[in-house]
């Protein structure tokens, strides 16, 4: 049975991780994904690349930014604001995940 820890929770979505199976669940707007650590890393990288490419672009509310997902035949169409929100969600969750990992090193060993 999954035991989730919250890495990020906000109006636009959340990212949680299961302590048992180590799968991640990403909810963003109307989409929900269950991802492996590798898939999440690839998605995060793609979001970063698109953000850098579209950085400084005039504010457009057209959904013209396509982000492929690890799921075959499924992608996300975002505008520049949504791309920024997804980027911030993923960045914050990554920092929280790394912090939780570091804190685990200082817990006393169970007997």
PDB file of N, CA and C in Angstrom:
ATOM      1  N   UNK A   1       0.839  -1.172   0.000  1.00  0.00           N
ATOM      2  CA  UNK A   1       0.000   0.000   0.000  1.00  0.00           C
ATOM      3  C   UNK A   1       0.890   1.242   0.000  1.00  0.00           C
ATOM      4  N   UNK A   2       0.532   2.191  -0.781  1.00  0.00           N
ATOM      5  CA  UNK A   2       1.346   3.403  -0.893  1.00  0.00           C
ATOM      6  C   UNK A   2       1.229   4.279   0.353  1.00  0.00           C
ATOM      7  N   UNK A   3       2.355   4.865   0.686  1.00  0.00           N
ATOM      8  CA  UNK A   3       2.442   5.809   1.794  1.00  0.00           C
ATOM      9  C   UNK A   3       3.089   7.069   1.226  1.00  0.00           C
ATOM     10  N   UNK A   4       2.274   8.106   1.013  1.00  0.00           N
ATOM     11  CA  UNK A   4       2.734   9.292   0.290  1.00  0.00           C
ATOM     12  C   UNK A   4       3.300  10.367   1.209  1.00  0.00           C
ATOM     13  N   UNK A   5       4.321  11.043   0.694  1.00  0.00           N
ATOM     14  CA  UNK A   5       4.857  12.263   1.306  1.00  0.00           C
ATOM     15  C   UNK A   5       4.660  13.382   0.297  1.00  0.00           C
ATOM     16  N   UNK A   6       4.239  14.529   0.760  1.00  0.00           N
ATOM     17  CA  UNK A   6       4.000  15.673  -0.107  1.00  0.00           C
ATOM     18  C   UNK A   6       5.295  16.433  -0.327  1.00  0.00           C
ATOM     19  N   UNK A   7       5.639  16.633  -1.591  1.00  0.00           N
ATOM     20  CA  UNK A   7       6.816  17.411  -1.960  1.00  0.00           C
ATOM     21  C   UNK A   7       6.431  18.834  -2.349  1.00  0.00           C
ATOM     22  N   UNK A   8       5.233  18.980  -2.849  1.00  0.00           N
ATOM     23  CA  UNK A   8       4.716  20.304  -3.214  1.00  0.00           C
ATOM     24  C   UNK A   8       3.199  20.213  -3.228  1.00  0.00           C
ATOM     25  N   UNK A   9       2.548  21.270  -2.748  1.00  0.00           N
ATOM     26  CA  UNK A   9       1.096  21.363  -2.825  1.00  0.00           C
ATOM     27  C   UNK A   9       0.723  22.828  -3.000  1.00  0.00           C
ATOM     28  N   UNK A  10      -0.011  23.136  -4.053  1.00  0.00           N
ATOM     29  CA  UNK A  10      -0.421  24.507  -4.325  1.00  0.00           C
ATOM     30  C   UNK A  10      -1.696  24.531  -5.139  1.00  0.00           C
ATOM     31  N   UNK A  11      -2.141  25.734  -5.465  1.00  0.00           N
ATOM     32  CA  UNK A  11      -3.379  25.894  -6.239  1.00  0.00           C
ATOM     33  C   UNK A  11      -3.315  25.206  -7.596  1.00  0.00           C
ATOM     34  N   UNK A  12      -2.132  25.245  -8.232  1.00  0.00           N
ATOM     35  CA  UNK A  12      -2.000  24.700  -9.583  1.00  0.00           C
ATOM     36  C   UNK A  12      -1.778  23.196  -9.614  1.00  0.00           C
ATOM     37  N   UNK A  13      -1.450  22.596  -8.456  1.00  0.00           N
ATOM     38  CA  UNK A  13      -1.255  21.157  -8.436  1.00  0.00           C
ATOM     39  C   UNK A  13      -0.420  20.693  -7.263  1.00  0.00           C
ATOM     40  N   UNK A  14       0.023  19.448  -7.358  1.00  0.00           N
ATOM     41  CA  UNK A  14       0.851  18.884  -6.296  1.00  0.00           C
ATOM     42  C   UNK A  14       1.806  17.848  -6.875  1.00  0.00           C
ATOM     43  N   UNK A  15       2.809  17.512  -6.070  1.00  0.00           N
ATOM     44  CA  UNK A  15       3.718  16.415  -6.391  1.00  0.00           C
ATOM     45  C   UNK A  15       3.951  15.659  -5.098  1.00  0.00           C
ATOM     46  N   UNK A  16       3.652  14.360  -5.125  1.00  0.00           N
ATOM     47  CA  UNK A  16       3.852  13.505  -3.967  1.00  0.00           C
ATOM     48  C   UNK A  16       4.695  12.308  -4.376  1.00  0.00           C
ATOM     49  N   UNK A  17       5.309  11.669  -3.377  1.00  0.00           N
ATOM     50  CA  UNK A  17       6.129  10.487  -3.637  1.00  0.00           C
ATOM     51  C   UNK A  17       5.699   9.391  -2.667  1.00  0.00           C
ATOM     52  N   UNK A  18       5.663   8.167  -3.149  1.00  0.00           N
ATOM     53  CA  UNK A  18       5.340   7.020  -2.309  1.00  0.00           C
ATOM     54  C   UNK A  18       6.631   6.495  -1.685  1.00  0.00           C
ATOM     55  N   UNK A  19       6.647   6.377  -0.362  1.00  0.00           N
ATOM     56  CA  UNK A  19       7.820   5.861   0.331  1.00  0.00           C
ATOM     57  C   UNK A  19       8.047   4.374   0.056  1.00  0.00           C
ATOM     58  N   UNK A  20       6.991   3.671  -0.324  1.00  0.00           N
ATOM     59  CA  UNK A  20       7.101   2.231  -0.557  1.00  0.00           C
ATOM     60  C   UNK A  20       7.614   1.907  -1.965  1.00  0.00           C
ATOM     61  N   UNK A  21       6.911   2.373  -2.980  1.00  0.00           N
ATOM     62  CA  UNK A  21       7.261   2.015  -4.371  1.00  0.00           C
ATOM     63  C   UNK A  21       8.134   3.063  -5.066  1.00  0.00           C
ATOM     64  N   UNK A  22       8.319   4.224  -4.428  1.00  0.00           N
ATOM     65  CA  UNK A  22       9.164   5.306  -4.953  1.00  0.00           C
ATOM     66  C   UNK A  22       8.643   5.888  -6.273  1.00  0.00           C
ATOM     67  N   UNK A  23       7.358   5.764  -6.526  1.00  0.00           N
ATOM     68  CA  UNK A  23       6.734   6.412  -7.674  1.00  0.00           C
ATOM     69  C   UNK A  23       6.251   7.797  -7.243  1.00  0.00           C
ATOM     70  N   UNK A  24       6.195   8.679  -8.211  1.00  0.00           N
ATOM     71  CA  UNK A  24       5.764  10.047  -7.977  1.00  0.00           C
ATOM     72  C   UNK A  24       4.405  10.247  -8.625  1.00  0.00           C
ATOM     73  N   UNK A  25       3.578  11.061  -8.002  1.00  0.00           N
ATOM     74  CA  UNK A  25       2.299  11.423  -8.585  1.00  0.00           C
ATOM     75  C   UNK A  25       2.291  12.940  -8.746  1.00  0.00           C
ATOM     76  N   UNK A  26       2.151  13.377  -9.986  1.00  0.00           N
ATOM     77  CA  UNK A  26       2.131  14.796 -10.325  1.00  0.00           C
ATOM     78  C   UNK A  26       0.736  15.163 -10.802  1.00  0.00           C
ATOM     79  N   UNK A  27       0.130  16.122 -10.127  1.00  0.00           N
ATOM     80  CA  UNK A  27      -1.141  16.685 -10.573  1.00  0.00           C
ATOM     81  C   UNK A  27      -0.854  18.126 -10.955  1.00  0.00           C
ATOM     82  N   UNK A  28      -1.226  18.483 -12.175  1.00  0.00           N
ATOM     83  CA  UNK A  28      -1.065  19.863 -12.626  1.00  0.00           C
ATOM     84  C   UNK A  28      -2.286  20.240 -13.438  1.00  0.00           C
ATOM     85  N   UNK A  29      -3.018  21.216 -12.944  1.00  0.00           N
ATOM     86  CA  UNK A  29      -4.270  21.667 -13.537  1.00  0.00           C
ATOM     87  C   UNK A  29      -5.215  20.483 -13.704  1.00  0.00           C
ATOM     88  N   UNK A  30      -5.497  20.050 -14.912  1.00  0.00           N
ATOM     89  CA  UNK A  30      -6.445  18.950 -15.115  1.00  0.00           C
ATOM     90  C   UNK A  30      -5.763  17.629 -15.442  1.00  0.00           C
ATOM     91  N   UNK A  31      -4.445  17.563 -15.313  1.00  0.00           N
ATOM     92  CA  UNK A  31      -3.702  16.346 -15.635  1.00  0.00           C
ATOM     93  C   UNK A  31      -3.159  15.689 -14.370  1.00  0.00           C
ATOM     94  N   UNK A  32      -3.108  14.363 -14.387  1.00  0.00           N
ATOM     95  CA  UNK A  32      -2.556  13.592 -13.285  1.00  0.00           C
ATOM     96  C   UNK A  32      -1.664  12.502 -13.865  1.00  0.00           C
ATOM     97  N   UNK A  33      -0.422  12.448 -13.393  1.00  0.00           N
ATOM     98  CA  UNK A  33       0.554  11.478 -13.886  1.00  0.00           C
ATOM     99  C   UNK A  33       1.105  10.666 -12.724  1.00  0.00           C
ATOM    100  N   UNK A  34       1.366   9.403 -12.944  1.00  0.00           N
ATOM    101  CA  UNK A  34       2.152   8.590 -12.027  1.00  0.00           C
ATOM    102  C   UNK A  34       3.445   8.283 -12.772  1.00  0.00           C
ATOM    103  N   UNK A  35       4.567   8.683 -12.178  1.00  0.00           N
ATOM    104  CA  UNK A  35       5.851   8.636 -12.868  1.00  0.00           C
ATOM    105  C   UNK A  35       6.919   7.948 -12.023  1.00  0.00           C
ATOM    106  N   UNK A  36       7.848   7.297 -12.694  1.00  0.00           N
ATOM    107  CA  UNK A  36       9.039   6.806 -12.015  1.00  0.00           C
ATOM    108  C   UNK A  36       9.972   7.992 -11.804  1.00  0.00           C
ATOM    109  N   UNK A  37      10.993   7.788 -10.996  1.00  0.00           N
ATOM    110  CA  UNK A  37      11.967   8.867 -10.765  1.00  0.00           C
ATOM    111  C   UNK A  37      12.628   9.280 -12.078  1.00  0.00           C
ATOM    112  N   UNK A  38      12.941   8.308 -12.923  1.00  0.00           N
ATOM    113  CA  UNK A  38      13.560   8.607 -14.215  1.00  0.00           C
ATOM    114  C   UNK A  38      12.652   9.404 -15.127  1.00  0.00           C
ATOM    115  N   UNK A  39      11.379   9.021 -15.177  1.00  0.00           N
ATOM    116  CA  UNK A  39      10.411   9.745 -16.004  1.00  0.00           C
ATOM    117  C   UNK A  39      10.213  11.175 -15.504  1.00  0.00           C
ATOM    118  N   UNK A  40      10.159  11.339 -14.187  1.00  0.00           N
ATOM    119  CA  UNK A  40       9.994  12.680 -13.619  1.00  0.00           C
ATOM    120  C   UNK A  40      11.207  13.551 -13.939  1.00  0.00           C
ATOM    121  N   UNK A  41      12.382  12.958 -13.878  1.00  0.00           N
ATOM    122  CA  UNK A  41      13.604  13.705 -14.195  1.00  0.00           C
ATOM    123  C   UNK A  41      13.585  14.183 -15.653  1.00  0.00           C
ATOM    124  N   UNK A  42      13.145  13.329 -16.554  1.00  0.00           N
ATOM    125  CA  UNK A  42      13.062  13.693 -17.974  1.00  0.00           C
ATOM    126  C   UNK A  42      12.029  14.799 -18.168  1.00  0.00           C
ATOM    127  N   UNK A  43      10.869  14.670 -17.544  1.00  0.00           N
ATOM    128  CA  UNK A  43       9.828  15.695 -17.671  1.00  0.00           C
ATOM    129  C   UNK A  43      10.333  17.029 -17.122  1.00  0.00           C
ATOM    130  N   UNK A  44      10.982  17.001 -15.977  1.00  0.00           N
ATOM    131  CA  UNK A  44      11.529  18.218 -15.372  1.00  0.00           C
ATOM    132  C   UNK A  44      12.547  18.859 -16.315  1.00  0.00           C
ATOM    133  N   UNK A  45      13.388  18.056 -16.909  1.00  0.00           N
ATOM    134  CA  UNK A  45      14.396  18.556 -17.850  1.00  0.00           C
ATOM    135  C   UNK A  45      13.734  19.214 -19.066  1.00  0.00           C
ATOM    136  N   UNK A  46      12.694  18.591 -19.595  1.00  0.00           N
ATOM    137  CA  UNK A  46      11.985  19.157 -20.752  1.00  0.00           C
ATOM    138  C   UNK A  46      11.328  20.489 -20.394  1.00  0.00           C
ATOM    139  N   UNK A  47      10.747  20.567 -19.212  1.00  0.00           N
ATOM    140  CA  UNK A  47      10.111  21.814 -18.772  1.00  0.00           C
ATOM    141  C   UNK A  47      11.169  22.906 -18.640  1.00  0.00           C
ATOM    142  N   UNK A  48      12.327  22.565 -18.070  1.00  0.00           N
ATOM    143  CA  UNK A  48      13.426  23.544 -17.945  1.00  0.00           C
ATOM    144  C   UNK A  48      13.871  24.035 -19.318  1.00  0.00           C
ATOM    145  N   UNK A  49      14.051  23.107 -20.262  1.00  0.00           N
ATOM    146  CA  UNK A  49      14.496  23.478 -21.615  1.00  0.00           C
ATOM    147  C   UNK A  49      13.498  24.426 -22.274  1.00  0.00           C
ATOM    148  N   UNK A  50      12.225  24.094 -22.187  1.00  0.00           N
ATOM    149  CA  UNK A  50      11.204  24.943 -22.809  1.00  0.00           C
ATOM    150  C   UNK A  50      11.138  26.302 -22.127  1.00  0.00           C
ATOM    151  N   UNK A  51      11.316  26.327 -20.818  1.00  0.00           N
ATOM    152  CA  UNK A  51      11.293  27.600 -20.087  1.00  0.00           C
ATOM    153  C   UNK A  51      12.454  28.486 -20.528  1.00  0.00           C
ATOM    154  N   UNK A  52      13.631  27.896 -20.673  1.00  0.00           N
ATOM    155  CA  UNK A  52      14.799  28.670 -21.122  1.00  0.00           C
ATOM    156  C   UNK A  52      14.592  29.175 -22.551  1.00  0.00           C
ATOM    157  N   UNK A  53      14.023  28.342 -23.394  1.00  0.00           N
ATOM    158  CA  UNK A  53      13.799  28.718 -24.788  1.00  0.00           C
ATOM    159  C   UNK A  53      12.779  29.857 -24.882  1.00  0.00           C
ATOM    160  N   UNK A  54      11.743  29.788 -24.051  1.00  0.00           N
ATOM    161  CA  UNK A  54      10.668  30.785 -24.106  1.00  0.00           C
ATOM    162  C   UNK A  54      10.884  31.932 -23.135  1.00  0.00           C
ATOM    163  N   UNK A  55      12.005  31.935 -22.403  1.00  0.00           N
ATOM    164  CA  UNK A  55      12.301  33.007 -21.449  1.00  0.00           C
ATOM    165  C   UNK A  55      12.451  34.328 -22.196  1.00  0.00           C
ATOM    166  N   UNK A  56      11.807  35.344 -21.693  1.00  0.00           N
ATOM    167  CA  UNK A  56      11.897  36.653 -22.329  1.00  0.00           C
ATOM    168  C   UNK A  56      10.929  36.831 -23.484  1.00  0.00           C
ATOM    169  N   UNK A  57      10.183  35.767 -23.797  1.00  0.00           N
ATOM    170  CA  UNK A  57       9.192  35.881 -24.872  1.00  0.00           C
ATOM    171  C   UNK A  57       8.057  36.773 -24.389  1.00  0.00           C
ATOM    172  N   UNK A  58       7.501  37.550 -25.281  1.00  0.00           N
ATOM    173  CA  UNK A  58       6.406  38.413 -24.869  1.00  0.00           C
ATOM    174  C   UNK A  58       5.265  37.583 -24.286  1.00  0.00           C
ATOM    175  N   UNK A  59       4.580  38.141 -23.287  1.00  0.00           N
ATOM    176  CA  UNK A  59       3.494  37.419 -22.622  1.00  0.00           C
ATOM    177  C   UNK A  59       2.414  37.011 -23.595  1.00  0.00           C
ATOM    178  N   UNK A  60       2.342  35.749 -23.846  1.00  0.00           N
ATOM    179  CA  UNK A  60       1.327  35.220 -24.742  1.00  0.00           C
ATOM    180  C   UNK A  60       0.445  34.277 -23.951  1.00  0.00           C
ATOM    181  N   UNK A  61      -0.844  34.408 -24.157  1.00  0.00           N
ATOM    182  CA  UNK A  61      -1.764  33.523 -23.461  1.00  0.00           C
ATOM    183  C   UNK A  61      -2.232  32.398 -24.380  1.00  0.00           C
ATOM    184  N   UNK A  62      -1.548  32.259 -25.507  1.00  0.00           N
ATOM    185  CA  UNK A  62      -1.861  31.158 -26.411  1.00  0.00           C
ATOM    186  C   UNK A  62      -1.207  29.895 -25.899  1.00  0.00           C
ATOM    187  N   UNK A  63      -1.951  28.816 -25.941  1.00  0.00           N
ATOM    188  CA  UNK A  63      -1.396  27.523 -25.545  1.00  0.00           C
ATOM    189  C   UNK A  63      -0.640  26.972 -26.757  1.00  0.00           C
ATOM    190  N   UNK A  64       0.624  27.349 -26.844  1.00  0.00           N
ATOM    191  CA  UNK A  64       1.422  26.940 -28.002  1.00  0.00           C
ATOM    192  C   UNK A  64       2.746  26.281 -27.604  1.00  0.00           C
ATOM    193  N   UNK A  65       2.880  25.911 -26.337  1.00  0.00           N
ATOM    194  CA  UNK A  65       4.105  25.246 -25.880  1.00  0.00           C
ATOM    195  C   UNK A  65       3.759  23.789 -25.604  1.00  0.00           C
ATOM    196  N   UNK A  66       4.349  22.895 -26.381  1.00  0.00           N
ATOM    197  CA  UNK A  66       4.066  21.462 -26.249  1.00  0.00           C
ATOM    198  C   UNK A  66       5.156  20.796 -25.416  1.00  0.00           C
ATOM    199  N   UNK A  67       4.756  20.129 -24.352  1.00  0.00           N
ATOM    200  CA  UNK A  67       5.674  19.376 -23.508  1.00  0.00           C
ATOM    201  C   UNK A  67       5.296  17.905 -23.642  1.00  0.00           C
ATOM    202  N   UNK A  68       6.155  17.098 -24.263  1.00  0.00           N
ATOM    203  CA  UNK A  68       5.852  15.668 -24.323  1.00  0.00           C
ATOM    204  C   UNK A  68       5.985  15.046 -22.936  1.00  0.00           C
ATOM    205  N   UNK A  69       5.266  13.978 -22.696  1.00  0.00           N
ATOM    206  CA  UNK A  69       5.361  13.276 -21.423  1.00  0.00           C
ATOM    207  C   UNK A  69       5.887  11.867 -21.691  1.00  0.00           C
ATOM    208  N   UNK A  70       6.299  11.175 -20.632  1.00  0.00           N
ATOM    209  CA  UNK A  70       6.774   9.798 -20.816  1.00  0.00           C
ATOM    210  C   UNK A  70       5.669   8.838 -21.271  1.00  0.00           C
ATOM    211  N   UNK A  71       4.420   9.263 -21.185  1.00  0.00           N
ATOM    212  CA  UNK A  71       3.318   8.420 -21.621  1.00  0.00           C
ATOM    213  C   UNK A  71       3.143   8.550 -23.132  1.00  0.00           C
ATOM    214  N   UNK A  72       3.191   7.448 -23.810  1.00  0.00           N
ATOM    215  CA  UNK A  72       3.113   7.466 -25.271  1.00  0.00           C
ATOM    216  C   UNK A  72       1.805   8.092 -25.750  1.00  0.00           C
ATOM    217  N   UNK A  73       1.940   9.065 -26.653  1.00  0.00           N
ATOM    218  CA  UNK A  73       0.781   9.715 -27.239  1.00  0.00           C
ATOM    219  C   UNK A  73       0.130  10.761 -26.356  1.00  0.00           C
ATOM    220  N   UNK A  74       0.779  11.140 -25.255  1.00  0.00           N
ATOM    221  CA  UNK A  74       0.182  12.113 -24.357  1.00  0.00           C
ATOM    222  C   UNK A  74       1.176  13.220 -24.064  1.00  0.00           C
ATOM    223  N   UNK A  75       0.751  14.456 -24.282  1.00  0.00           N
ATOM    224  CA  UNK A  75       1.594  15.611 -23.990  1.00  0.00           C
ATOM    225  C   UNK A  75       0.760  16.706 -23.361  1.00  0.00           C
ATOM    226  N   UNK A  76       1.443  17.754 -22.983  1.00  0.00           N
ATOM    227  CA  UNK A  76       0.768  18.893 -22.374  1.00  0.00           C
ATOM    228  C   UNK A  76       0.934  20.100 -23.280  1.00  0.00           C
ATOM    229  N   UNK A  77      -0.142  20.853 -23.462  1.00  0.00           N
ATOM    230  CA  UNK A  77      -0.111  22.097 -24.216  1.00  0.00           C
ATOM    231  C   UNK A  77      -0.291  23.222 -23.199  1.00  0.00           C
ATOM    232  N   UNK A  78       0.709  24.100 -23.094  1.00  0.00           N
ATOM    233  CA  UNK A  78       0.712  25.143 -22.077  1.00  0.00           C
ATOM    234  C   UNK A  78       0.943  26.522 -22.686  1.00  0.00           C
ATOM    235  N   UNK A  79       0.504  27.546 -21.971  1.00  0.00           N
ATOM    236  CA  UNK A  79       0.926  28.903 -22.329  1.00  0.00           C
ATOM    237  C   UNK A  79       2.143  29.241 -21.462  1.00  0.00           C
ATOM    238  N   UNK A  80       2.721  30.402 -21.644  1.00  0.00           N
ATOM    239  CA  UNK A  80       3.966  30.756 -20.967  1.00  0.00           C
ATOM    240  C   UNK A  80       3.775  30.824 -19.445  1.00  0.00           C
ATOM    241  N   UNK A  81       2.622  31.309 -18.998  1.00  0.00           N
ATOM    242  CA  UNK A  81       2.355  31.391 -17.559  1.00  0.00           C
ATOM    243  C   UNK A  81       2.244  29.994 -16.947  1.00  0.00           C
ATOM    244  N   UNK A  82       1.540  29.098 -17.623  1.00  0.00           N
ATOM    245  CA  UNK A  82       1.403  27.724 -17.136  1.00  0.00           C
ATOM    246  C   UNK A  82       2.751  27.008 -17.111  1.00  0.00           C
ATOM    247  N   UNK A  83       3.571  27.263 -18.118  1.00  0.00           N
ATOM    248  CA  UNK A  83       4.909  26.681 -18.151  1.00  0.00           C
ATOM    249  C   UNK A  83       5.713  27.135 -16.937  1.00  0.00           C
ATOM    250  N   UNK A  84       5.621  28.414 -16.601  1.00  0.00           N
ATOM    251  CA  UNK A  84       6.338  28.942 -15.440  1.00  0.00           C
ATOM    252  C   UNK A  84       5.817  28.310 -14.147  1.00  0.00           C
ATOM    253  N   UNK A  85       4.502  28.153 -14.039  1.00  0.00           N
ATOM    254  CA  UNK A  85       3.922  27.531 -12.842  1.00  0.00           C
ATOM    255  C   UNK A  85       4.378  26.079 -12.694  1.00  0.00           C
ATOM    256  N   UNK A  86       4.396  25.334 -13.800  1.00  0.00           N
ATOM    257  CA  UNK A  86       4.848  23.944 -13.757  1.00  0.00           C
ATOM    258  C   UNK A  86       6.326  23.874 -13.393  1.00  0.00           C
ATOM    259  N   UNK A  87       7.122  24.770 -13.952  1.00  0.00           N
ATOM    260  CA  UNK A  87       8.548  24.833 -13.627  1.00  0.00           C
ATOM    261  C   UNK A  87       8.742  25.078 -12.130  1.00  0.00           C
ATOM    262  N   UNK A  88       8.039  26.044 -11.580  1.00  0.00           N
ATOM    263  CA  UNK A  88       8.168  26.358 -10.156  1.00  0.00           C
ATOM    264  C   UNK A  88       7.727  25.192  -9.280  1.00  0.00           C
ATOM    265  N   UNK A  89       6.657  24.511  -9.672  1.00  0.00           N
ATOM    266  CA  UNK A  89       6.194  23.341  -8.938  1.00  0.00           C
ATOM    267  C   UNK A  89       7.291  22.279  -8.892  1.00  0.00           C
ATOM    268  N   UNK A  90       7.852  21.965 -10.061  1.00  0.00           N
ATOM    269  CA  UNK A  90       8.881  20.922 -10.149  1.00  0.00           C
ATOM    270  C   UNK A  90      10.166  21.318  -9.422  1.00  0.00           C
ATOM    271  N   UNK A  91      10.562  22.571  -9.526  1.00  0.00           N
ATOM    272  CA  UNK A  91      11.784  23.033  -8.852  1.00  0.00           C
ATOM    273  C   UNK A  91      11.626  22.960  -7.329  1.00  0.00           C
ATOM    274  N   UNK A  92      10.498  23.436  -6.826  1.00  0.00           N
ATOM    275  CA  UNK A  92      10.258  23.418  -5.387  1.00  0.00           C
ATOM    276  C   UNK A  92      10.190  21.985  -4.876  1.00  0.00           C
ATOM    277  N   UNK A  93       9.498  21.126  -5.601  1.00  0.00           N
ATOM    278  CA  UNK A  93       9.385  19.723  -5.196  1.00  0.00           C
ATOM    279  C   UNK A  93      10.754  19.043  -5.187  1.00  0.00           C
ATOM    280  N   UNK A  94      11.594  19.348  -6.167  1.00  0.00           N
ATOM    281  CA  UNK A  94      12.931  18.750  -6.210  1.00  0.00           C
ATOM    282  C   UNK A  94      13.755  19.171  -4.995  1.00  0.00           C
ATOM    283  N   UNK A  95      13.695  20.442  -4.636  1.00  0.00           N
ATOM    284  CA  UNK A  95      14.420  20.937  -3.463  1.00  0.00           C
ATOM    285  C   UNK A  95      13.901  20.244  -2.198  1.00  0.00           C
ATOM    286  N   UNK A  96      12.581  20.130  -2.074  1.00  0.00           N
ATOM    287  CA  UNK A  96      12.001  19.480  -0.902  1.00  0.00           C
ATOM    288  C   UNK A  96      12.373  17.999  -0.837  1.00  0.00           C
ATOM    289  N   UNK A  97      12.406  17.324  -1.980  1.00  0.00           N
ATOM    290  CA  UNK A  97      12.771  15.904  -2.028  1.00  0.00           C
ATOM    291  C   UNK A  97      14.228  15.709  -1.587  1.00  0.00           C
ATOM    292  N   UNK A  98      15.111  16.553  -2.078  1.00  0.00           N
ATOM    293  CA  UNK A  98      16.521  16.462  -1.690  1.00  0.00           C
ATOM    294  C   UNK A  98      16.701  16.772  -0.210  1.00  0.00           C
ATOM    295  N   UNK A  99      15.967  17.749   0.282  1.00  0.00           N
ATOM    296  CA  UNK A  99      16.041  18.109   1.698  1.00  0.00           C
ATOM    297  C   UNK A  99      15.565  16.948   2.570  1.00  0.00           C
ATOM    298  N   UNK A 100      14.464  16.315   2.182  1.00  0.00           N
ATOM    299  CA  UNK A 100      13.952  15.171   2.938  1.00  0.00           C
ATOM    300  C   UNK A 100      14.977  14.036   2.959  1.00  0.00           C
ATOM    301  N   UNK A 101      15.640  13.825   1.832  1.00  0.00           N
ATOM    302  CA  UNK A 101      16.672  12.800   1.761  1.00  0.00           C
ATOM    303  C   UNK A 101      17.830  13.084   2.697  1.00  0.00           C
ATOM    304  N   UNK A 102      18.237  14.338   2.755  1.00  0.00           N
ATOM    305  CA  UNK A 102      19.322  14.721   3.664  1.00  0.00           C
ATOM    306  C   UNK A 102      18.906  14.556   5.118  1.00  0.00           C
ATOM    307  N   UNK A 103      17.684  14.921   5.444  1.00  0.00           N
ATOM    308  CA  UNK A 103      17.204  14.792   6.816  1.00  0.00           C
ATOM    309  C   UNK A 103      17.121  13.328   7.248  1.00  0.00           C
ATOM    310  N   UNK A 104      16.826  12.438   6.295  1.00  0.00           N
ATOM    311  CA  UNK A 104      16.788  11.006   6.602  1.00  0.00           C
ATOM    312  C   UNK A 104      18.142  10.494   7.080  1.00  0.00           C
ATOM    313  N   UNK A 105      19.224  11.096   6.616  1.00  0.00           N
ATOM    314  CA  UNK A 105      20.570  10.669   7.021  1.00  0.00           C
ATOM    315  C   UNK A 105      20.816  10.889   8.507  1.00  0.00           C
ATOM    316  N   UNK A 106      20.098  11.827   9.106  1.00  0.00           N
ATOM    317  CA  UNK A 106      20.317  12.174  10.505  1.00  0.00           C
ATOM    318  C   UNK A 106      19.351  11.485  11.460  1.00  0.00           C
ATOM    319  N   UNK A 107      18.442  10.673  10.935  1.00  0.00           N
ATOM    320  CA  UNK A 107      17.517   9.931  11.798  1.00  0.00           C
ATOM    321  C   UNK A 107      18.258   8.768  12.440  1.00  0.00           C
ATOM    322  N   UNK A 108      17.955   8.475  13.687  1.00  0.00           N
ATOM    323  CA  UNK A 108      18.588   7.318  14.314  1.00  0.00           C
ATOM    324  C   UNK A 108      18.138   6.020  13.650  1.00  0.00           C
ATOM    325  N   UNK A 109      19.023   5.067  13.566  1.00  0.00           N
ATOM    326  CA  UNK A 109      18.720   3.779  12.939  1.00  0.00           C
ATOM    327  C   UNK A 109      17.689   3.028  13.777  1.00  0.00           C
ATOM    328  N   UNK A 110      16.759   2.380  13.104  1.00  0.00           N
ATOM    329  CA  UNK A 110      15.737   1.573  13.783  1.00  0.00           C
ATOM    330  C   UNK A 110      16.321   0.204  14.106  1.00  0.00           C
ATOM    331  N   UNK A 111      15.897  -0.339  15.224  1.00  0.00           N
ATOM    332  CA  UNK A 111      16.394  -1.669  15.636  1.00  0.00           C
ATOM    333  C   UNK A 111      15.398  -2.729  15.382  1.00  0.00           C
TER     334      UNK A 111
END
